[in-house]
Amino acid sequence: MTDSRLWFKAKTFGWGWGPALTWQGWLVYAAYLVLVAASAARFPPTRYSMAFFASLTGLTAVLLCICWWKGEEPRWRWGR
Protein backbone atom coordinates (compact mmCIF):
# COMPACT_ATOMS: atom_id res chain seq x y z
CA MET A 1 0.00 0.00 0.00
CA THR A 2 1.38 3.43 -0.89
CA ASP A 3 1.21 6.38 1.42
CA SER A 4 -0.45 9.43 -0.15
CA ARG A 5 2.24 11.64 1.38
CA LEU A 6 4.99 9.91 -0.63
CA TRP A 7 6.39 11.75 -3.62
CA PHE A 8 8.60 8.92 -4.90
CA LYS A 9 7.89 5.19 -5.17
CA ALA A 10 10.68 2.69 -4.68
CA LYS A 11 11.90 0.81 -7.74
CA THR A 12 10.57 -2.72 -8.23
CA PHE A 13 14.03 -4.14 -8.90
CA GLY A 14 17.22 -2.84 -7.32
CA TRP A 15 17.79 0.00 -4.90
CA GLY A 16 16.45 3.54 -5.14
CA TRP A 17 13.45 5.38 -6.45
CA GLY A 18 11.69 5.36 -9.77
CA PRO A 19 9.26 7.80 -11.37
CA ALA A 20 7.56 10.32 -9.12
CA LEU A 21 4.07 9.68 -7.74
CA THR A 22 2.99 13.32 -7.36
CA TRP A 23 3.40 16.63 -9.09
CA GLN A 24 5.77 17.69 -6.30
CA GLY A 25 8.07 14.80 -7.15
CA TRP A 26 8.01 15.68 -10.83
CA LEU A 27 8.78 19.28 -9.90
CA VAL A 28 11.82 18.12 -7.93
CA TYR A 29 13.05 16.08 -10.91
CA ALA A 30 12.47 19.03 -13.29
CA ALA A 31 14.28 21.45 -10.96
CA TYR A 32 17.20 19.02 -10.74
CA LEU A 33 17.48 18.83 -14.53
CA VAL A 34 17.23 22.61 -14.94
CA LEU A 35 19.89 23.18 -12.27
CA VAL A 36 22.22 20.59 -13.83
CA ALA A 37 21.82 22.34 -17.20
CA ALA A 38 22.46 25.73 -15.57
CA SER A 39 25.54 24.32 -13.87
CA ALA A 40 26.82 22.98 -17.20
CA ALA A 41 26.24 26.40 -18.77
CA ARG A 42 27.96 28.23 -15.91
CA PHE A 43 30.82 25.74 -15.55
CA PRO A 44 31.40 24.05 -18.92
CA PRO A 45 32.71 20.56 -18.06
CA THR A 46 35.50 20.77 -20.63
CA ARG A 47 36.86 23.99 -19.10
CA TYR A 48 35.88 23.91 -15.42
CA SER A 49 35.68 20.20 -14.74
CA MET A 50 36.22 20.38 -10.96
CA ALA A 51 33.65 23.16 -10.45
CA PHE A 52 31.11 21.30 -12.59
CA PHE A 53 31.79 18.04 -10.72
CA ALA A 54 31.41 19.79 -7.35
CA SER A 55 28.11 21.42 -8.36
CA LEU A 56 26.80 18.15 -9.80
CA THR A 57 27.77 16.32 -6.61
CA GLY A 58 25.97 18.89 -4.47
CA LEU A 59 22.83 18.88 -6.62
CA THR A 60 22.71 15.08 -6.61
CA ALA A 61 23.16 14.99 -2.84
CA VAL A 62 20.22 17.36 -2.41
CA LEU A 63 18.11 15.23 -4.80
CA LEU A 64 18.93 12.06 -2.85
CA CYS A 65 18.08 13.74 0.46
CA ILE A 66 14.69 14.83 -0.89
CA CYS A 67 13.99 11.35 -2.30
CA TRP A 68 14.98 9.76 1.01
CA TRP A 69 12.79 12.19 2.97
CA LYS A 70 9.68 12.10 0.74
CA GLY A 71 9.96 8.61 -0.79
CA GLU A 72 9.46 5.00 0.20
CA GLU A 73 12.11 3.37 2.35
CA PRO A 74 15.16 2.56 0.22
CA ARG A 75 16.17 -1.09 0.29
CA TRP A 76 17.19 -3.73 -2.18
CA ARG A 77 14.13 -5.15 -3.97
CA TRP A 78 13.87 -8.29 -6.06
CA GLY A 79 10.54 -7.53 -7.72
CA ARG A 80 8.32 -9.35 -5.26
PDB file of N, CA and C in Angstrom:
ATOM      1  N   MET A   1       0.844  -1.166   0.000  1.00  0.00           N
ATOM      2  CA  MET A   1       0.000   0.000   0.000  1.00  0.00           C
ATOM      3  C   MET A   1       0.894   1.234   0.000  1.00  0.00           C
ATOM      4  N   THR A   2       0.584   2.219  -0.837  1.00  0.00           N
ATOM      5  CA  THR A   2       1.377   3.432  -0.888  1.00  0.00           C
ATOM      6  C   THR A   2       0.765   4.510  -0.012  1.00  0.00           C
ATOM      7  N   ASP A   3       1.619   5.281   0.570  1.00  0.00           N
ATOM      8  CA  ASP A   3       1.205   6.378   1.424  1.00  0.00           C
ATOM      9  C   ASP A   3       0.980   7.599   0.542  1.00  0.00           C
ATOM     10  N   SER A   4      -0.130   8.295   0.716  1.00  0.00           N
ATOM     11  CA  SER A   4      -0.449   9.431  -0.149  1.00  0.00           C
ATOM     12  C   SER A   4       0.517  10.591   0.058  1.00  0.00           C
ATOM     13  N   ARG A   5       1.273  10.575   1.139  1.00  0.00           N
ATOM     14  CA  ARG A   5       2.241  11.641   1.376  1.00  0.00           C
ATOM     15  C   ARG A   5       3.554  11.397   0.641  1.00  0.00           C
ATOM     16  N   LEU A   6       3.746  10.235   0.061  1.00  0.00           N
ATOM     17  CA  LEU A   6       4.987   9.914  -0.630  1.00  0.00           C
ATOM     18  C   LEU A   6       5.035  10.597  -1.988  1.00  0.00           C
ATOM     19  N   TRP A   7       6.200  11.134  -2.316  1.00  0.00           N
ATOM     20  CA  TRP A   7       6.392  11.752  -3.620  1.00  0.00           C
ATOM     21  C   TRP A   7       7.062  10.791  -4.597  1.00  0.00           C
ATOM     22  N   PHE A   8       7.828   9.829  -4.066  1.00  0.00           N
ATOM     23  CA  PHE A   8       8.598   8.918  -4.902  1.00  0.00           C
ATOM     24  C   PHE A   8       8.356   7.478  -4.468  1.00  0.00           C
ATOM     25  N   LYS A   9       8.095   6.611  -5.436  1.00  0.00           N
ATOM     26  CA  LYS A   9       7.891   5.189  -5.175  1.00  0.00           C
ATOM     27  C   LYS A   9       9.221   4.476  -5.368  1.00  0.00           C
ATOM     28  N   ALA A  10       9.456   3.478  -4.552  1.00  0.00           N
ATOM     29  CA  ALA A  10      10.678   2.688  -4.683  1.00  0.00           C
ATOM     30  C   ALA A  10      10.638   1.876  -5.973  1.00  0.00           C
ATOM     31  N   LYS A  11      11.812   1.633  -6.537  1.00  0.00           N
ATOM     32  CA  LYS A  11      11.899   0.812  -7.737  1.00  0.00           C
ATOM     33  C   LYS A  11      11.481  -0.617  -7.421  1.00  0.00           C
ATOM     34  N   THR A  12      10.972  -1.327  -8.413  1.00  0.00           N
ATOM     35  CA  THR A  12      10.571  -2.717  -8.227  1.00  0.00           C
ATOM     36  C   THR A  12      11.780  -3.622  -8.116  1.00  0.00           C
ATOM     37  N   PHE A  13      12.802  -3.365  -8.908  1.00  0.00           N
ATOM     38  CA  PHE A  13      14.033  -4.142  -8.901  1.00  0.00           C
ATOM     39  C   PHE A  13      15.189  -3.214  -8.565  1.00  0.00           C
ATOM     40  N   GLY A  14      16.046  -3.641  -7.664  1.00  0.00           N
ATOM     41  CA  GLY A  14      17.216  -2.845  -7.319  1.00  0.00           C
ATOM     42  C   GLY A  14      16.974  -1.939  -6.134  1.00  0.00           C
ATOM     43  N   TRP A  15      17.841  -0.926  -6.013  1.00  0.00           N
ATOM     44  CA  TRP A  15      17.792   0.004  -4.896  1.00  0.00           C
ATOM     45  C   TRP A  15      17.517   1.405  -5.422  1.00  0.00           C
ATOM     46  N   GLY A  16      16.682   2.150  -4.754  1.00  0.00           N
ATOM     47  CA  GLY A  16      16.455   3.539  -5.136  1.00  0.00           C
ATOM     48  C   GLY A  16      15.005   3.817  -5.463  1.00  0.00           C
ATOM     49  N   TRP A  17      14.794   4.917  -6.151  1.00  0.00           N
ATOM     50  CA  TRP A  17      13.447   5.385  -6.449  1.00  0.00           C
ATOM     51  C   TRP A  17      13.256   5.484  -7.952  1.00  0.00           C
ATOM     52  N   GLY A  18      12.028   5.285  -8.368  1.00  0.00           N
ATOM     53  CA  GLY A  18      11.686   5.362  -9.774  1.00  0.00           C
ATOM     54  C   GLY A  18      10.945   6.646 -10.080  1.00  0.00           C
ATOM     55  N   PRO A  19      10.020   6.605 -11.010  1.00  0.00           N
ATOM     56  CA  PRO A  19       9.259   7.800 -11.367  1.00  0.00           C
ATOM     57  C   PRO A  19       8.480   8.348 -10.171  1.00  0.00           C
ATOM     58  N   ALA A  20       8.274   9.652 -10.205  1.00  0.00           N
ATOM     59  CA  ALA A  20       7.561  10.320  -9.116  1.00  0.00           C
ATOM     60  C   ALA A  20       6.093   9.917  -9.100  1.00  0.00           C
ATOM     61  N   LEU A  21       5.494   9.996  -7.911  1.00  0.00           N
ATOM     62  CA  LEU A  21       4.071   9.684  -7.744  1.00  0.00           C
ATOM     63  C   LEU A  21       3.204  10.932  -7.792  1.00  0.00           C
ATOM     64  N   THR A  22       3.765  12.081  -7.468  1.00  0.00           N
ATOM     65  CA  THR A  22       2.986  13.318  -7.359  1.00  0.00           C
ATOM     66  C   THR A  22       3.614  14.423  -8.195  1.00  0.00           C
ATOM     67  N   TRP A  23       2.865  15.498  -8.344  1.00  0.00           N
ATOM     68  CA  TRP A  23       3.404  16.634  -9.094  1.00  0.00           C
ATOM     69  C   TRP A  23       4.602  17.248  -8.367  1.00  0.00           C
ATOM     70  N   GLN A  24       4.633  17.151  -7.038  1.00  0.00           N
ATOM     71  CA  GLN A  24       5.765  17.686  -6.298  1.00  0.00           C
ATOM     72  C   GLN A  24       7.049  16.915  -6.636  1.00  0.00           C
ATOM     73  N   GLY A  25       6.920  15.610  -6.765  1.00  0.00           N
ATOM     74  CA  GLY A  25       8.069  14.800  -7.148  1.00  0.00           C
ATOM     75  C   GLY A  25       8.567  15.132  -8.540  1.00  0.00           C
ATOM     76  N   TRP A  26       7.621  15.310  -9.470  1.00  0.00           N
ATOM     77  CA  TRP A  26       8.014  15.683 -10.830  1.00  0.00           C
ATOM     78  C   TRP A  26       8.655  17.061 -10.857  1.00  0.00           C
ATOM     79  N   LEU A  27       8.184  17.956  -9.995  1.00  0.00           N
ATOM     80  CA  LEU A  27       8.777  19.284  -9.900  1.00  0.00           C
ATOM     81  C   LEU A  27      10.221  19.199  -9.381  1.00  0.00           C
ATOM     82  N   VAL A  28      10.466  18.315  -8.433  1.00  0.00           N
ATOM     83  CA  VAL A  28      11.823  18.115  -7.927  1.00  0.00           C
ATOM     84  C   VAL A  28      12.726  17.598  -9.042  1.00  0.00           C
ATOM     85  N   TYR A  29      12.252  16.606  -9.799  1.00  0.00           N
ATOM     86  CA  TYR A  29      13.049  16.085 -10.914  1.00  0.00           C
ATOM     87  C   TYR A  29      13.317  17.171 -11.961  1.00  0.00           C
ATOM     88  N   ALA A  30      12.303  17.965 -12.300  1.00  0.00           N
ATOM     89  CA  ALA A  30      12.470  19.028 -13.286  1.00  0.00           C
ATOM     90  C   ALA A  30      13.458  20.081 -12.793  1.00  0.00           C
ATOM     91  N   ALA A  31      13.350  20.459 -11.523  1.00  0.00           N
ATOM     92  CA  ALA A  31      14.277  21.449 -10.959  1.00  0.00           C
ATOM     93  C   ALA A  31      15.707  20.917 -10.986  1.00  0.00           C
ATOM     94  N   TYR A  32      15.869  19.637 -10.693  1.00  0.00           N
ATOM     95  CA  TYR A  32      17.200  19.022 -10.737  1.00  0.00           C
ATOM     96  C   TYR A  32      17.782  19.122 -12.149  1.00  0.00           C
ATOM     97  N   LEU A  33      16.989  18.773 -13.143  1.00  0.00           N
ATOM     98  CA  LEU A  33      17.484  18.831 -14.528  1.00  0.00           C
ATOM     99  C   LEU A  33      17.819  20.255 -14.958  1.00  0.00           C
ATOM    100  N   VAL A  34      16.976  21.206 -14.590  1.00  0.00           N
ATOM    101  CA  VAL A  34      17.232  22.612 -14.935  1.00  0.00           C
ATOM    102  C   VAL A  34      18.515  23.094 -14.252  1.00  0.00           C
ATOM    103  N   LEU A  35      18.684  22.743 -12.994  1.00  0.00           N
ATOM    104  CA  LEU A  35      19.886  23.177 -12.269  1.00  0.00           C
ATOM    105  C   LEU A  35      21.156  22.499 -12.788  1.00  0.00           C
ATOM    106  N   VAL A  36      21.060  21.250 -13.220  1.00  0.00           N
ATOM    107  CA  VAL A  36      22.221  20.591 -13.834  1.00  0.00           C
ATOM    108  C   VAL A  36      22.576  21.286 -15.146  1.00  0.00           C
ATOM    109  N   ALA A  37      21.568  21.631 -15.948  1.00  0.00           N
ATOM    110  CA  ALA A  37      21.822  22.342 -17.202  1.00  0.00           C
ATOM    111  C   ALA A  37      22.420  23.725 -16.932  1.00  0.00           C
ATOM    112  N   ALA A  38      21.915  24.418 -15.922  1.00  0.00           N
ATOM    113  CA  ALA A  38      22.462  25.734 -15.570  1.00  0.00           C
ATOM    114  C   ALA A  38      23.904  25.606 -15.083  1.00  0.00           C
ATOM    115  N   SER A  39      24.178  24.560 -14.336  1.00  0.00           N
ATOM    116  CA  SER A  39      25.541  24.321 -13.871  1.00  0.00           C
ATOM    117  C   SER A  39      26.477  24.038 -15.043  1.00  0.00           C
ATOM    118  N   ALA A  40      26.006  23.275 -16.010  1.00  0.00           N
ATOM    119  CA  ALA A  40      26.823  22.984 -17.196  1.00  0.00           C
ATOM    120  C   ALA A  40      27.060  24.242 -18.024  1.00  0.00           C
ATOM    121  N   ALA A  41      26.072  25.140 -18.040  1.00  0.00           N
ATOM    122  CA  ALA A  41      26.242  26.398 -18.772  1.00  0.00           C
ATOM    123  C   ALA A  41      27.206  27.329 -18.035  1.00  0.00           C
ATOM    124  N   ARG A  42      27.101  27.350 -16.719  1.00  0.00           N
ATOM    125  CA  ARG A  42      27.957  28.231 -15.912  1.00  0.00           C
ATOM    126  C   ARG A  42      29.374  27.694 -15.827  1.00  0.00           C
ATOM    127  N   PHE A  43      29.521  26.397 -15.649  1.00  0.00           N
ATOM    128  CA  PHE A  43      30.824  25.739 -15.548  1.00  0.00           C
ATOM    129  C   PHE A  43      30.939  24.675 -16.630  1.00  0.00           C
ATOM    130  N   PRO A  44      31.280  25.059 -17.849  1.00  0.00           N
ATOM    131  CA  PRO A  44      31.400  24.051 -18.918  1.00  0.00           C
ATOM    132  C   PRO A  44      32.356  22.933 -18.484  1.00  0.00           C
ATOM    133  N   PRO A  45      31.897  21.690 -18.560  1.00  0.00           N
ATOM    134  CA  PRO A  45      32.710  20.565 -18.063  1.00  0.00           C
ATOM    135  C   PRO A  45      34.082  20.447 -18.721  1.00  0.00           C
ATOM    136  N   THR A  46      34.207  20.876 -19.956  1.00  0.00           N
ATOM    137  CA  THR A  46      35.503  20.772 -20.629  1.00  0.00           C
ATOM    138  C   THR A  46      36.488  21.821 -20.128  1.00  0.00           C
ATOM    139  N   ARG A  47      35.988  22.905 -19.556  1.00  0.00           N
ATOM    140  CA  ARG A  47      36.864  23.992 -19.098  1.00  0.00           C
ATOM    141  C   ARG A  47      37.002  24.039 -17.576  1.00  0.00           C
ATOM    142  N   TYR A  48      35.888  23.845 -16.875  1.00  0.00           N
ATOM    143  CA  TYR A  48      35.876  23.911 -15.415  1.00  0.00           C
ATOM    144  C   TYR A  48      35.397  22.574 -14.848  1.00  0.00           C
ATOM    145  N   SER A  49      36.147  21.535 -15.092  1.00  0.00           N
ATOM    146  CA  SER A  49      35.679  20.198 -14.736  1.00  0.00           C
ATOM    147  C   SER A  49      35.469  20.018 -13.232  1.00  0.00           C
ATOM    148  N   MET A  50      36.366  20.555 -12.410  1.00  0.00           N
ATOM    149  CA  MET A  50      36.222  20.383 -10.963  1.00  0.00           C
ATOM    150  C   MET A  50      35.022  21.158 -10.426  1.00  0.00           C
ATOM    151  N   ALA A  51      34.799  22.369 -10.906  1.00  0.00           N
ATOM    152  CA  ALA A  51      33.647  23.156 -10.453  1.00  0.00           C
ATOM    153  C   ALA A  51      32.344  22.495 -10.895  1.00  0.00           C
ATOM    154  N   PHE A  52      32.312  21.988 -12.122  1.00  0.00           N
ATOM    155  CA  PHE A  52      31.114  21.298 -12.587  1.00  0.00           C
ATOM    156  C   PHE A  52      30.870  20.034 -11.768  1.00  0.00           C
ATOM    157  N   PHE A  53      31.924  19.265 -11.516  1.00  0.00           N
ATOM    158  CA  PHE A  53      31.790  18.039 -10.723  1.00  0.00           C
ATOM    159  C   PHE A  53      31.299  18.365  -9.311  1.00  0.00           C
ATOM    160  N   ALA A  54      31.822  19.410  -8.706  1.00  0.00           N
ATOM    161  CA  ALA A  54      31.407  19.793  -7.355  1.00  0.00           C
ATOM    162  C   ALA A  54      29.937  20.211  -7.332  1.00  0.00           C
ATOM    163  N   SER A  55      29.522  20.998  -8.323  1.00  0.00           N
ATOM    164  CA  SER A  55      28.114  21.424  -8.359  1.00  0.00           C
ATOM    165  C   SER A  55      27.196  20.239  -8.633  1.00  0.00           C
ATOM    166  N   LEU A  56      27.603  19.339  -9.505  1.00  0.00           N
ATOM    167  CA  LEU A  56      26.804  18.149  -9.798  1.00  0.00           C
ATOM    168  C   LEU A  56      26.697  17.247  -8.571  1.00  0.00           C
ATOM    169  N   THR A  57      27.784  17.116  -7.833  1.00  0.00           N
ATOM    170  CA  THR A  57      27.767  16.319  -6.608  1.00  0.00           C
ATOM    171  C   THR A  57      26.818  16.920  -5.582  1.00  0.00           C
ATOM    172  N   GLY A  58      26.864  18.225  -5.417  1.00  0.00           N
ATOM    173  CA  GLY A  58      25.969  18.894  -4.470  1.00  0.00           C
ATOM    174  C   GLY A  58      24.508  18.780  -4.869  1.00  0.00           C
ATOM    175  N   LEU A  59      24.210  18.991  -6.143  1.00  0.00           N
ATOM    176  CA  LEU A  59      22.828  18.884  -6.617  1.00  0.00           C
ATOM    177  C   LEU A  59      22.304  17.457  -6.451  1.00  0.00           C
ATOM    178  N   THR A  60      23.126  16.477  -6.748  1.00  0.00           N
ATOM    179  CA  THR A  60      22.706  15.084  -6.611  1.00  0.00           C
ATOM    180  C   THR A  60      22.499  14.721  -5.146  1.00  0.00           C
ATOM    181  N   ALA A  61      23.341  15.239  -4.270  1.00  0.00           N
ATOM    182  CA  ALA A  61      23.164  14.987  -2.836  1.00  0.00           C
ATOM    183  C   ALA A  61      21.837  15.560  -2.343  1.00  0.00           C
ATOM    184  N   VAL A  62      21.502  16.754  -2.805  1.00  0.00           N
ATOM    185  CA  VAL A  62      20.219  17.358  -2.414  1.00  0.00           C
ATOM    186  C   VAL A  62      19.059  16.528  -2.960  1.00  0.00           C
ATOM    187  N   LEU A  63      19.156  16.072  -4.216  1.00  0.00           N
ATOM    188  CA  LEU A  63      18.107  15.227  -4.799  1.00  0.00           C
ATOM    189  C   LEU A  63      17.931  13.940  -3.992  1.00  0.00           C
ATOM    190  N   LEU A  64      19.019  13.289  -3.634  1.00  0.00           N
ATOM    191  CA  LEU A  64      18.934  12.055  -2.849  1.00  0.00           C
ATOM    192  C   LEU A  64      18.321  12.305  -1.476  1.00  0.00           C
ATOM    193  N   CYS A  65      18.666  13.411  -0.850  1.00  0.00           N
ATOM    194  CA  CYS A  65      18.076  13.742   0.458  1.00  0.00           C
ATOM    195  C   CYS A  65      16.568  13.939   0.346  1.00  0.00           C
ATOM    196  N   ILE A  66      16.129  14.621  -0.698  1.00  0.00           N
ATOM    197  CA  ILE A  66      14.690  14.833  -0.891  1.00  0.00           C
ATOM    198  C   ILE A  66      13.993  13.500  -1.169  1.00  0.00           C
ATOM    199  N   CYS A  67      14.583  12.671  -2.011  1.00  0.00           N
ATOM    200  CA  CYS A  67      13.992  11.353  -2.301  1.00  0.00           C
ATOM    201  C   CYS A  67      13.922  10.506  -1.040  1.00  0.00           C
ATOM    202  N   TRP A  68      14.952  10.542  -0.228  1.00  0.00           N
ATOM    203  CA  TRP A  68      14.977   9.760   1.009  1.00  0.00           C
ATOM    204  C   TRP A  68      13.903  10.257   1.970  1.00  0.00           C
ATOM    205  N   TRP A  69      13.747  11.577   2.051  1.00  0.00           N
ATOM    206  CA  TRP A  69      12.793  12.194   2.974  1.00  0.00           C
ATOM    207  C   TRP A  69      11.350  11.970   2.534  1.00  0.00           C
ATOM    208  N   LYS A  70      11.048  12.136   1.228  1.00  0.00           N
ATOM    209  CA  LYS A  70       9.678  12.096   0.739  1.00  0.00           C
ATOM    210  C   LYS A  70       9.344  10.836  -0.060  1.00  0.00           C
ATOM    211  N   GLY A  71      10.217   9.827  -0.034  1.00  0.00           N
ATOM    212  CA  GLY A  71       9.963   8.607  -0.789  1.00  0.00           C
ATOM    213  C   GLY A  71       9.825   7.388   0.110  1.00  0.00           C
ATOM    214  N   GLU A  72       9.519   6.262  -0.536  1.00  0.00           N
ATOM    215  CA  GLU A  72       9.465   4.999   0.199  1.00  0.00           C
ATOM    216  C   GLU A  72      10.843   4.656   0.741  1.00  0.00           C
ATOM    217  N   GLU A  73      10.844   3.784   1.747  1.00  0.00           N
ATOM    218  CA  GLU A  73      12.106   3.371   2.352  1.00  0.00           C
ATOM    219  C   GLU A  73      13.008   2.721   1.306  1.00  0.00           C
ATOM    220  N   PRO A  74      14.264   3.181   1.198  1.00  0.00           N
ATOM    221  CA  PRO A  74      15.158   2.558   0.222  1.00  0.00           C
ATOM    222  C   PRO A  74      15.712   1.242   0.756  1.00  0.00           C
ATOM    223  N   ARG A  75      15.591   0.213  -0.029  1.00  0.00           N
ATOM    224  CA  ARG A  75      16.171  -1.092   0.288  1.00  0.00           C
ATOM    225  C   ARG A  75      16.251  -1.879  -1.008  1.00  0.00           C
ATOM    226  N   TRP A  76      17.049  -2.909  -0.993  1.00  0.00           N
ATOM    227  CA  TRP A  76      17.190  -3.733  -2.182  1.00  0.00           C
ATOM    228  C   TRP A  76      15.898  -4.500  -2.418  1.00  0.00           C
ATOM    229  N   ARG A  77      15.384  -4.462  -3.631  1.00  0.00           N
ATOM    230  CA  ARG A  77      14.133  -5.146  -3.970  1.00  0.00           C
ATOM    231  C   ARG A  77      14.386  -6.109  -5.135  1.00  0.00           C
ATOM    232  N   TRP A  78      13.724  -7.246  -5.048  1.00  0.00           N
ATOM    233  CA  TRP A  78      13.872  -8.288  -6.060  1.00  0.00           C
ATOM    234  C   TRP A  78      12.644  -8.420  -6.933  1.00  0.00           C
ATOM    235  N   GLY A  79      11.717  -7.490  -6.864  1.00  0.00           N
ATOM    236  CA  GLY A  79      10.536  -7.527  -7.719  1.00  0.00           C
ATOM    237  C   GLY A  79       9.379  -8.304  -7.144  1.00  0.00           C
ATOM    238  N   ARG A  80       9.411  -8.608  -5.889  1.00  0.00           N
ATOM    239  CA  ARG A  80       8.321  -9.351  -5.259  1.00  0.00           C
ATOM    240  C   ARG A  80       7.379  -8.423  -4.549  1.00  0.00           C
TER     241      ARG A  80
END
